[in-house]
PDB file of N, CA and C in Angstrom:
ATOM      1  N   MET A   1       7.895  -1.809 -27.001  1.00  0.00           N
ATOM      2  CA  MET A   1       8.510  -2.602 -28.176  1.00  0.00           C
ATOM      3  C   MET A   1       9.240  -2.216 -28.983  1.00  0.00           C
ATOM      4  N   LYS A   2      10.326  -2.746 -29.640  1.00  0.00           N
ATOM      5  CA  LYS A   2      10.892  -2.381 -30.566  1.00  0.00           C
ATOM      6  C   LYS A   2      10.647  -2.544 -32.030  1.00  0.00           C
ATOM      7  N   LEU A   3      11.213  -1.371 -32.755  1.00  0.00           N
ATOM      8  CA  LEU A   3      10.527  -1.658 -33.794  1.00  0.00           C
ATOM      9  C   LEU A   3      10.547  -2.685 -34.764  1.00  0.00           C
ATOM     10  N   GLU A   4      11.879  -3.292 -34.993  1.00  0.00           N
ATOM     11  CA  GLU A   4      11.885  -4.699 -35.426  1.00  0.00           C
ATOM     12  C   GLU A   4      10.897  -5.461 -34.798  1.00  0.00           C
ATOM     13  N   THR A   5      10.515  -5.938 -33.861  1.00  0.00           N
ATOM     14  CA  THR A   5       9.597  -6.465 -33.242  1.00  0.00           C
ATOM     15  C   THR A   5       8.413  -6.410 -33.832  1.00  0.00           C
ATOM     16  N   ILE A   6       8.098  -5.439 -33.956  1.00  0.00           N
ATOM     17  CA  ILE A   6       6.641  -5.045 -34.336  1.00  0.00           C
ATOM     18  C   ILE A   6       6.711  -5.507 -35.789  1.00  0.00           C
ATOM     19  N   LEU A   7       7.399  -4.991 -36.664  1.00  0.00           N
ATOM     20  CA  LEU A   7       7.691  -5.110 -38.138  1.00  0.00           C
ATOM     21  C   LEU A   7       7.751  -6.841 -38.169  1.00  0.00           C
ATOM     22  N   GLN A   8       8.193  -7.416 -37.428  1.00  0.00           N
ATOM     23  CA  GLN A   8       8.571  -8.606 -37.604  1.00  0.00           C
ATOM     24  C   GLN A   8       7.206  -9.466 -37.655  1.00  0.00           C
ATOM     25  N   ALA A   9       6.357  -9.089 -36.494  1.00  0.00           N
ATOM     26  CA  ALA A   9       4.973  -9.495 -36.086  1.00  0.00           C
ATOM     27  C   ALA A   9       3.994  -9.195 -37.158  1.00  0.00           C
ATOM     28  N   ALA A  10       4.225  -8.299 -37.830  1.00  0.00           N
ATOM     29  CA  ALA A  10       3.289  -8.050 -39.292  1.00  0.00           C
ATOM     30  C   ALA A  10       3.813  -9.038 -40.217  1.00  0.00           C
ATOM     31  N   ILE A  11       4.989  -9.222 -40.461  1.00  0.00           N
ATOM     32  CA  ILE A  11       5.410 -10.221 -41.502  1.00  0.00           C
ATOM     33  C   ILE A  11       4.875 -11.444 -41.308  1.00  0.00           C
ATOM     34  N   ASN A  12       5.309 -11.821 -39.986  1.00  0.00           N
ATOM     35  CA  ASN A  12       5.119 -13.340 -39.359  1.00  0.00           C
ATOM     36  C   ASN A  12       3.389 -13.577 -39.781  1.00  0.00           C
ATOM     37  N   ASP A  13       2.861 -12.424 -39.504  1.00  0.00           N
ATOM     38  CA  ASP A  13       1.194 -12.565 -39.977  1.00  0.00           C
ATOM     39  C   ASP A  13       0.869 -12.583 -41.183  1.00  0.00           C
ATOM     40  N   MET A  14       1.271 -11.962 -41.746  1.00  0.00           N
ATOM     41  CA  MET A  14       1.062 -12.134 -42.934  1.00  0.00           C
ATOM     42  C   MET A  14       1.341 -13.767 -43.874  1.00  0.00           C
ATOM     43  N   ALA A  15       2.398 -14.074 -43.404  1.00  0.00           N
ATOM     44  CA  ALA A  15       2.951 -15.339 -43.744  1.00  0.00           C
ATOM     45  C   ALA A  15       2.364 -16.352 -43.270  1.00  0.00           C
ATOM     46  N   ARG A  16       1.531 -16.403 -42.221  1.00  0.00           N
ATOM     47  CA  ARG A  16       0.521 -17.305 -41.573  1.00  0.00           C
ATOM     48  C   ARG A  16      -0.795 -17.061 -42.055  1.00  0.00           C
ATOM     49  N   GLY A  17      -0.910 -16.236 -42.845  1.00  0.00           N
ATOM     50  CA  GLY A  17      -2.575 -15.861 -43.666  1.00  0.00           C
ATOM     51  C   GLY A  17      -3.486 -15.436 -42.729  1.00  0.00           C
ATOM     52  N   LYS A  18      -2.878 -14.590 -41.630  1.00  0.00           N
ATOM     53  CA  LYS A  18      -3.754 -13.946 -40.787  1.00  0.00           C
ATOM     54  C   LYS A  18      -3.863 -12.582 -41.170  1.00  0.00           C
ATOM     55  N   GLU A  19      -3.010 -11.674 -41.874  1.00  0.00           N
ATOM     56  CA  GLU A  19      -2.991 -10.531 -42.278  1.00  0.00           C
ATOM     57  C   GLU A  19      -2.813 -10.694 -43.772  1.00  0.00           C
ATOM     58  N   GLU A  20      -3.255  -9.665 -44.547  1.00  0.00           N
ATOM     59  CA  GLU A  20      -3.120  -9.616 -45.992  1.00  0.00           C
ATOM     60  C   GLU A  20      -2.504  -8.240 -45.855  1.00  0.00           C
ATOM     61  N   PRO A  21      -1.610  -7.940 -47.007  1.00  0.00           N
ATOM     62  CA  PRO A  21      -0.759  -6.581 -47.377  1.00  0.00           C
ATOM     63  C   PRO A  21      -1.878  -5.374 -47.702  1.00  0.00           C
ATOM     64  N   PHE A  22      -1.655  -4.066 -47.474  1.00  0.00           N
ATOM     65  CA  PHE A  22      -2.931  -3.497 -47.709  1.00  0.00           C
ATOM     66  C   PHE A  22      -3.144  -3.336 -49.067  1.00  0.00           C
ATOM     67  N   CYS A  23      -2.222  -3.298 -49.914  1.00  0.00           N
ATOM     68  CA  CYS A  23      -2.155  -3.398 -51.563  1.00  0.00           C
ATOM     69  C   CYS A  23      -0.832  -3.833 -52.093  1.00  0.00           C
ATOM     70  N   GLY A  24      -1.333  -5.107 -53.012  1.00  0.00           N
ATOM     71  CA  GLY A  24       0.347  -5.341 -53.813  1.00  0.00           C
ATOM     72  C   GLY A  24       0.624  -6.559 -52.802  1.00  0.00           C
ATOM     73  N   SER A  25       1.814  -6.796 -53.130  1.00  0.00           N
ATOM     74  CA  SER A  25       2.331  -8.090 -52.738  1.00  0.00           C
ATOM     75  C   SER A  25       2.919  -7.866 -51.274  1.00  0.00           C
ATOM     76  N   ALA A  26       3.277  -8.691 -50.360  1.00  0.00           N
ATOM     77  CA  ALA A  26       3.711  -8.798 -48.852  1.00  0.00           C
ATOM     78  C   ALA A  26       5.076  -8.600 -48.766  1.00  0.00           C
ATOM     79  N   ALA A  27       5.746  -7.805 -47.833  1.00  0.00           N
ATOM     80  CA  ALA A  27       7.380  -7.639 -47.982  1.00  0.00           C
ATOM     81  C   ALA A  27       7.932  -8.479 -47.040  1.00  0.00           C
ATOM     82  N   GLU A  28       8.876  -9.087 -47.785  1.00  0.00           N
ATOM     83  CA  GLU A  28       9.787 -10.137 -47.363  1.00  0.00           C
ATOM     84  C   GLU A  28      10.519  -9.810 -46.173  1.00  0.00           C
ATOM     85  N   ASP A  29      10.728  -8.438 -45.561  1.00  0.00           N
ATOM     86  CA  ASP A  29      11.522  -8.148 -44.301  1.00  0.00           C
ATOM     87  C   ASP A  29      11.481  -6.934 -44.683  1.00  0.00           C
ATOM     88  N   SER A  30      11.976  -6.246 -43.612  1.00  0.00           N
ATOM     89  CA  SER A  30      11.776  -4.817 -43.215  1.00  0.00           C
ATOM     90  C   SER A  30      12.894  -3.936 -43.930  1.00  0.00           C
ATOM     91  N   ASP A  31      13.871  -4.438 -44.578  1.00  0.00           N
ATOM     92  CA  ASP A  31      14.773  -3.766 -45.309  1.00  0.00           C
ATOM     93  C   ASP A  31      14.344  -2.527 -46.055  1.00  0.00           C
ATOM     94  N   ASP A  32      13.052  -2.520 -46.333  1.00  0.00           N
ATOM     95  CA  ASP A  32      12.662  -1.332 -47.149  1.00  0.00           C
ATOM     96  C   ASP A  32      12.065  -0.360 -46.464  1.00  0.00           C
ATOM     97  N   ILE A  33      12.241  -0.529 -45.216  1.00  0.00           N
ATOM     98  CA  ILE A  33      11.719   0.648 -44.390  1.00  0.00           C
ATOM     99  C   ILE A  33      13.065   1.507 -44.135  1.00  0.00           C
ATOM    100  N   ASP A  34      12.895   2.702 -43.971  1.00  0.00           N
ATOM    101  CA  ASP A  34      13.919   3.754 -43.821  1.00  0.00           C
ATOM    102  C   ASP A  34      13.610   4.310 -42.470  1.00  0.00           C
ATOM    103  N   TYR A  35      14.866   5.265 -41.912  1.00  0.00           N
ATOM    104  CA  TYR A  35      14.213   6.027 -40.407  1.00  0.00           C
ATOM    105  C   TYR A  35      14.842   7.061 -40.472  1.00  0.00           C
ATOM    106  N   CYS A  36      14.685   7.895 -40.032  1.00  0.00           N
ATOM    107  CA  CYS A  36      15.288   9.126 -39.495  1.00  0.00           C
ATOM    108  C   CYS A  36      14.757   9.859 -38.447  1.00  0.00           C
ATOM    109  N   LEU A  37      15.373  10.555 -37.715  1.00  0.00           N
ATOM    110  CA  LEU A  37      15.227  11.174 -36.251  1.00  0.00           C
ATOM    111  C   LEU A  37      13.964  12.004 -36.321  1.00  0.00           C
ATOM    112  N   GLU A  38      14.025  12.921 -37.246  1.00  0.00           N
ATOM    113  CA  GLU A  38      13.170  14.333 -37.124  1.00  0.00           C
ATOM    114  C   GLU A  38      13.409  14.824 -38.728  1.00  0.00           C
ATOM    115  N   TYR A  39      12.192  15.818 -39.104  1.00  0.00           N
ATOM    116  CA  TYR A  39      12.270  16.182 -39.972  1.00  0.00           C
ATOM    117  C   TYR A  39      12.859  17.355 -40.122  1.00  0.00           C
ATOM    118  N   ALA A  40      13.545  17.555 -41.557  1.00  0.00           N
ATOM    119  CA  ALA A  40      14.305  18.886 -41.889  1.00  0.00           C
ATOM    120  C   ALA A  40      13.344  20.038 -42.580  1.00  0.00           C
ATOM    121  N   GLU A  41      12.327  19.481 -43.097  1.00  0.00           N
ATOM    122  CA  GLU A  41      11.242  20.686 -43.754  1.00  0.00           C
ATOM    123  C   GLU A  41      10.714  21.173 -42.835  1.00  0.00           C
ATOM    124  N   PRO A  42      10.883  22.581 -42.932  1.00  0.00           N
ATOM    125  CA  PRO A  42      10.191  23.781 -41.734  1.00  0.00           C
ATOM    126  C   PRO A  42       8.629  23.415 -41.920  1.00  0.00           C
ATOM    127  N   GLY A  43       8.110  23.627 -40.484  1.00  0.00           N
ATOM    128  CA  GLY A  43       6.632  23.197 -40.149  1.00  0.00           C
ATOM    129  C   GLY A  43       6.500  22.119 -39.997  1.00  0.00           C
ATOM    130  N   TYR A  44       7.347  20.923 -39.802  1.00  0.00           N
ATOM    131  CA  TYR A  44       6.835  20.022 -38.938  1.00  0.00           C
ATOM    132  C   TYR A  44       7.524  20.001 -37.684  1.00  0.00           C
ATOM    133  N   SER A  45       6.812  19.126 -36.849  1.00  0.00           N
ATOM    134  CA  SER A  45       7.390  18.601 -35.770  1.00  0.00           C
ATOM    135  C   SER A  45       8.033  17.513 -35.448  1.00  0.00           C
ATOM    136  N   SER A  46       9.011  17.369 -34.680  1.00  0.00           N
ATOM    137  CA  SER A  46       9.809  16.161 -34.508  1.00  0.00           C
ATOM    138  C   SER A  46       8.865  15.006 -33.740  1.00  0.00           C
ATOM    139  N   PRO A  47       8.747  14.065 -34.369  1.00  0.00           N
ATOM    140  CA  PRO A  47       7.867  13.189 -33.850  1.00  0.00           C
ATOM    141  C   PRO A  47       8.813  12.560 -32.547  1.00  0.00           C
ATOM    142  N   LYS A  48       7.796  11.443 -31.487  1.00  0.00           N
ATOM    143  CA  LYS A  48       8.725  11.298 -30.248  1.00  0.00           C
ATOM    144  C   LYS A  48       9.497  10.088 -30.673  1.00  0.00           C
ATOM    145  N   ARG A  49       9.280   9.086 -31.541  1.00  0.00           N
ATOM    146  CA  ARG A  49      10.340   7.971 -31.269  1.00  0.00           C
ATOM    147  C   ARG A  49      10.890   8.243 -33.151  1.00  0.00           C
ATOM    148  N   GLY A  50      10.627   9.135 -34.172  1.00  0.00           N
ATOM    149  CA  GLY A  50      11.258   9.377 -35.416  1.00  0.00           C
ATOM    150  C   GLY A  50      10.137   9.050 -36.456  1.00  0.00           C
ATOM    151  N   ILE A  51      10.789   9.051 -37.609  1.00  0.00           N
ATOM    152  CA  ILE A  51       9.865   9.106 -38.981  1.00  0.00           C
ATOM    153  C   ILE A  51      10.318   7.666 -39.741  1.00  0.00           C
ATOM    154  N   LEU A  52       9.223   7.094 -39.990  1.00  0.00           N
ATOM    155  CA  LEU A  52       9.751   5.636 -40.933  1.00  0.00           C
ATOM    156  C   LEU A  52       9.394   6.058 -42.259  1.00  0.00           C
ATOM    157  N   PHE A  53      10.134   5.616 -43.216  1.00  0.00           N
ATOM    158  CA  PHE A  53       9.473   5.829 -44.515  1.00  0.00           C
ATOM    159  C   PHE A  53       9.456   4.539 -45.130  1.00  0.00           C
ATOM    160  N   GLY A  54       8.472   3.929 -46.140  1.00  0.00           N
ATOM    161  CA  GLY A  54       8.315   2.752 -46.724  1.00  0.00           C
ATOM    162  C   GLY A  54       7.291   2.834 -47.573  1.00  0.00           C
ATOM    163  N   ASN A  55       7.107   1.804 -48.498  1.00  0.00           N
ATOM    164  CA  ASN A  55       5.657   1.599 -49.043  1.00  0.00           C
ATOM    165  C   ASN A  55       4.989   1.050 -48.355  1.00  0.00           C
ATOM    166  N   TRP A  56       4.110   1.619 -47.570  1.00  0.00           N
ATOM    167  CA  TRP A  56       3.273   0.814 -46.524  1.00  0.00           C
ATOM    168  C   TRP A  56       2.091  -0.447 -47.471  1.00  0.00           C
ATOM    169  N   ASN A  57       2.067  -0.450 -48.750  1.00  0.00           N
ATOM    170  CA  ASN A  57       1.004  -1.149 -49.292  1.00  0.00           C
ATOM    171  C   ASN A  57       1.469  -2.765 -49.143  1.00  0.00           C
ATOM    172  N   HIS A  58       2.911  -2.626 -48.980  1.00  0.00           N
ATOM    173  CA  HIS A  58       3.496  -4.118 -48.521  1.00  0.00           C
ATOM    174  C   HIS A  58       3.026  -4.875 -46.988  1.00  0.00           C
ATOM    175  N   TYR A  59       2.521  -4.075 -46.415  1.00  0.00           N
ATOM    176  CA  TYR A  59       2.347  -4.426 -44.925  1.00  0.00           C
ATOM    177  C   TYR A  59       0.630  -3.914 -44.386  1.00  0.00           C
ATOM    178  N   PRO A  60       0.255  -4.532 -43.401  1.00  0.00           N
ATOM    179  CA  PRO A  60      -0.953  -4.969 -43.140  1.00  0.00           C
ATOM    180  C   PRO A  60      -1.634  -3.112 -43.069  1.00  0.00           C
ATOM    181  N   LYS A  61      -2.741  -3.044 -43.516  1.00  0.00           N
ATOM    182  CA  LYS A  61      -3.255  -1.602 -43.032  1.00  0.00           C
ATOM    183  C   LYS A  61      -3.384  -1.188 -41.359  1.00  0.00           C
ATOM    184  N   ARG A  62      -3.613  -2.177 -40.742  1.00  0.00           N
ATOM    185  CA  ARG A  62      -3.687  -1.831 -39.457  1.00  0.00           C
ATOM    186  C   ARG A  62      -1.914  -1.423 -38.714  1.00  0.00           C
ATOM    187  N   LEU A  63      -0.899  -1.684 -39.561  1.00  0.00           N
ATOM    188  CA  LEU A  63       0.399  -1.574 -39.227  1.00  0.00           C
ATOM    189  C   LEU A  63       0.544  -0.201 -38.908  1.00  0.00           C
ATOM    190  N   ALA A  64       0.291   0.708 -39.839  1.00  0.00           N
ATOM    191  CA  ALA A  64       0.462   2.386 -39.593  1.00  0.00           C
ATOM    192  C   ALA A  64      -0.056   2.573 -38.170  1.00  0.00           C
ATOM    193  N   GLY A  65      -1.312   2.431 -37.825  1.00  0.00           N
ATOM    194  CA  GLY A  65      -2.174   2.709 -36.741  1.00  0.00           C
ATOM    195  C   GLY A  65      -1.094   2.454 -35.382  1.00  0.00           C
ATOM    196  N   ILE A  66      -0.547   1.083 -35.425  1.00  0.00           N
ATOM    197  CA  ILE A  66      -0.023   0.413 -34.419  1.00  0.00           C
ATOM    198  C   ILE A  66       1.347   1.369 -34.040  1.00  0.00           C
ATOM    199  N   LEU A  67       2.113   1.393 -35.413  1.00  0.00           N
ATOM    200  CA  LEU A  67       3.345   2.470 -35.160  1.00  0.00           C
ATOM    201  C   LEU A  67       3.234   3.696 -34.742  1.00  0.00           C
ATOM    202  N   GLU A  68       2.179   4.381 -35.311  1.00  0.00           N
ATOM    203  CA  GLU A  68       1.836   5.549 -35.149  1.00  0.00           C
ATOM    204  C   GLU A  68       1.437   5.658 -33.379  1.00  0.00           C
ATOM    205  N   ASN A  69       0.540   4.980 -32.708  1.00  0.00           N
ATOM    206  CA  ASN A  69       0.363   4.698 -31.245  1.00  0.00           C
ATOM    207  C   ASN A  69       1.729   4.555 -30.712  1.00  0.00           C
ATOM    208  N   ALA A  70       2.903   3.750 -31.356  1.00  0.00           N
ATOM    209  CA  ALA A  70       4.111   3.501 -30.400  1.00  0.00           C
ATOM    210  C   ALA A  70       4.998   4.851 -30.591  1.00  0.00           C
ATOM    211  N   GLY A  71       4.405   6.037 -31.208  1.00  0.00           N
ATOM    212  CA  GLY A  71       5.074   7.433 -31.209  1.00  0.00           C
ATOM    213  C   GLY A  71       5.982   7.720 -32.585  1.00  0.00           C
ATOM    214  N   TYR A  72       5.817   6.706 -33.462  1.00  0.00           N
ATOM    215  CA  TYR A  72       6.640   7.044 -34.994  1.00  0.00           C
ATOM    216  C   TYR A  72       5.323   7.720 -36.197  1.00  0.00           C
ATOM    217  N   GLU A  73       5.981   8.382 -36.832  1.00  0.00           N
ATOM    218  CA  GLU A  73       5.450   9.169 -37.783  1.00  0.00           C
ATOM    219  C   GLU A  73       5.887   8.385 -39.115  1.00  0.00           C
ATOM    220  N   ILE A  74       4.671   8.161 -39.857  1.00  0.00           N
ATOM    221  CA  ILE A  74       4.723   6.979 -40.951  1.00  0.00           C
ATOM    222  C   ILE A  74       4.807   8.018 -42.328  1.00  0.00           C
ATOM    223  N   GLU A  75       5.791   7.560 -42.996  1.00  0.00           N
ATOM    224  CA  GLU A  75       5.424   8.700 -44.645  1.00  0.00           C
ATOM    225  C   GLU A  75       5.750   7.729 -45.801  1.00  0.00           C
ATOM    226  N   TRP A  76       5.680   7.964 -46.828  1.00  0.00           N
ATOM    227  CA  TRP A  76       5.840   7.130 -47.883  1.00  0.00           C
ATOM    228  C   TRP A  76       7.038   7.493 -48.632  1.00  0.00           C
ATOM    229  N   SER A  77       7.659   6.332 -48.761  1.00  0.00           N
ATOM    230  CA  SER A  77       8.987   6.471 -49.418  1.00  0.00           C
ATOM    231  C   SER A  77       9.563   7.413 -50.423  1.00  0.00           C
ATOM    232  N   ASP A  78       8.282   7.142 -51.426  1.00  0.00           N
ATOM    233  CA  ASP A  78       8.354   8.172 -52.830  1.00  0.00           C
ATOM    234  C   ASP A  78       7.815   9.405 -52.818  1.00  0.00           C
ATOM    235  N   GLU A  79       7.658   9.676 -51.431  1.00  0.00           N
ATOM    236  CA  GLU A  79       7.178  11.355 -51.304  1.00  0.00           C
ATOM    237  C   GLU A  79       8.138  11.982 -50.798  1.00  0.00           C
ATOM    238  N   TRP A  80       9.280  11.341 -50.098  1.00  0.00           N
ATOM    239  CA  TRP A  80       9.982  12.037 -49.380  1.00  0.00           C
ATOM    240  C   TRP A  80      11.389  11.807 -49.777  1.00  0.00           C
ATOM    241  N   SER A  81      12.515  12.762 -49.653  1.00  0.00           N
ATOM    242  CA  SER A  81      13.811  12.555 -49.624  1.00  0.00           C
ATOM    243  C   SER A  81      14.652  12.570 -48.331  1.00  0.00           C
ATOM    244  N   GLN A  82      15.411  11.725 -48.134  1.00  0.00           N
ATOM    245  CA  GLN A  82      16.290  11.934 -46.839  1.00  0.00           C
ATOM    246  C   GLN A  82      17.394  12.732 -46.782  1.00  0.00           C
ATOM    247  N   CYS A  83      17.930  13.754 -46.116  1.00  0.00           N
ATOM    248  CA  CYS A  83      19.070  13.942 -45.978  1.00  0.00           C
ATOM    249  C   CYS A  83      19.929  13.604 -45.015  1.00  0.00           C
ATOM    250  N   GLN A  84      21.763  13.809 -44.898  1.00  0.00           N
ATOM    251  CA  GLN A  84      22.166  13.183 -44.065  1.00  0.00           C
ATOM    252  C   GLN A  84      22.755  14.509 -42.983  1.00  0.00           C
ATOM    253  N   ASP A  85      22.442  15.819 -43.267  1.00  0.00           N
ATOM    254  CA  ASP A  85      22.727  16.981 -42.087  1.00  0.00           C
ATOM    255  C   ASP A  85      21.941  17.558 -41.428  1.00  0.00           C
TER     256      ASP A  85
END
């Protein structure tokens, strides 16, 4: 399943009142999630499908587990920097 489909399903569930955001207000779209293919930091192995950076408080608590099961690594955007090299 595509990443965009998973994220949109979570947003739709929150809009219908089926799910609550983990903490704070719900995200209106998935534009606040960034993606990298692999870690540049030594000591980290590359995940199967890449790394997702975001404020996970805006999404349902179970979304992180769904994304991890799909092969993504989940990180908090305020704890990591991204480089282009």
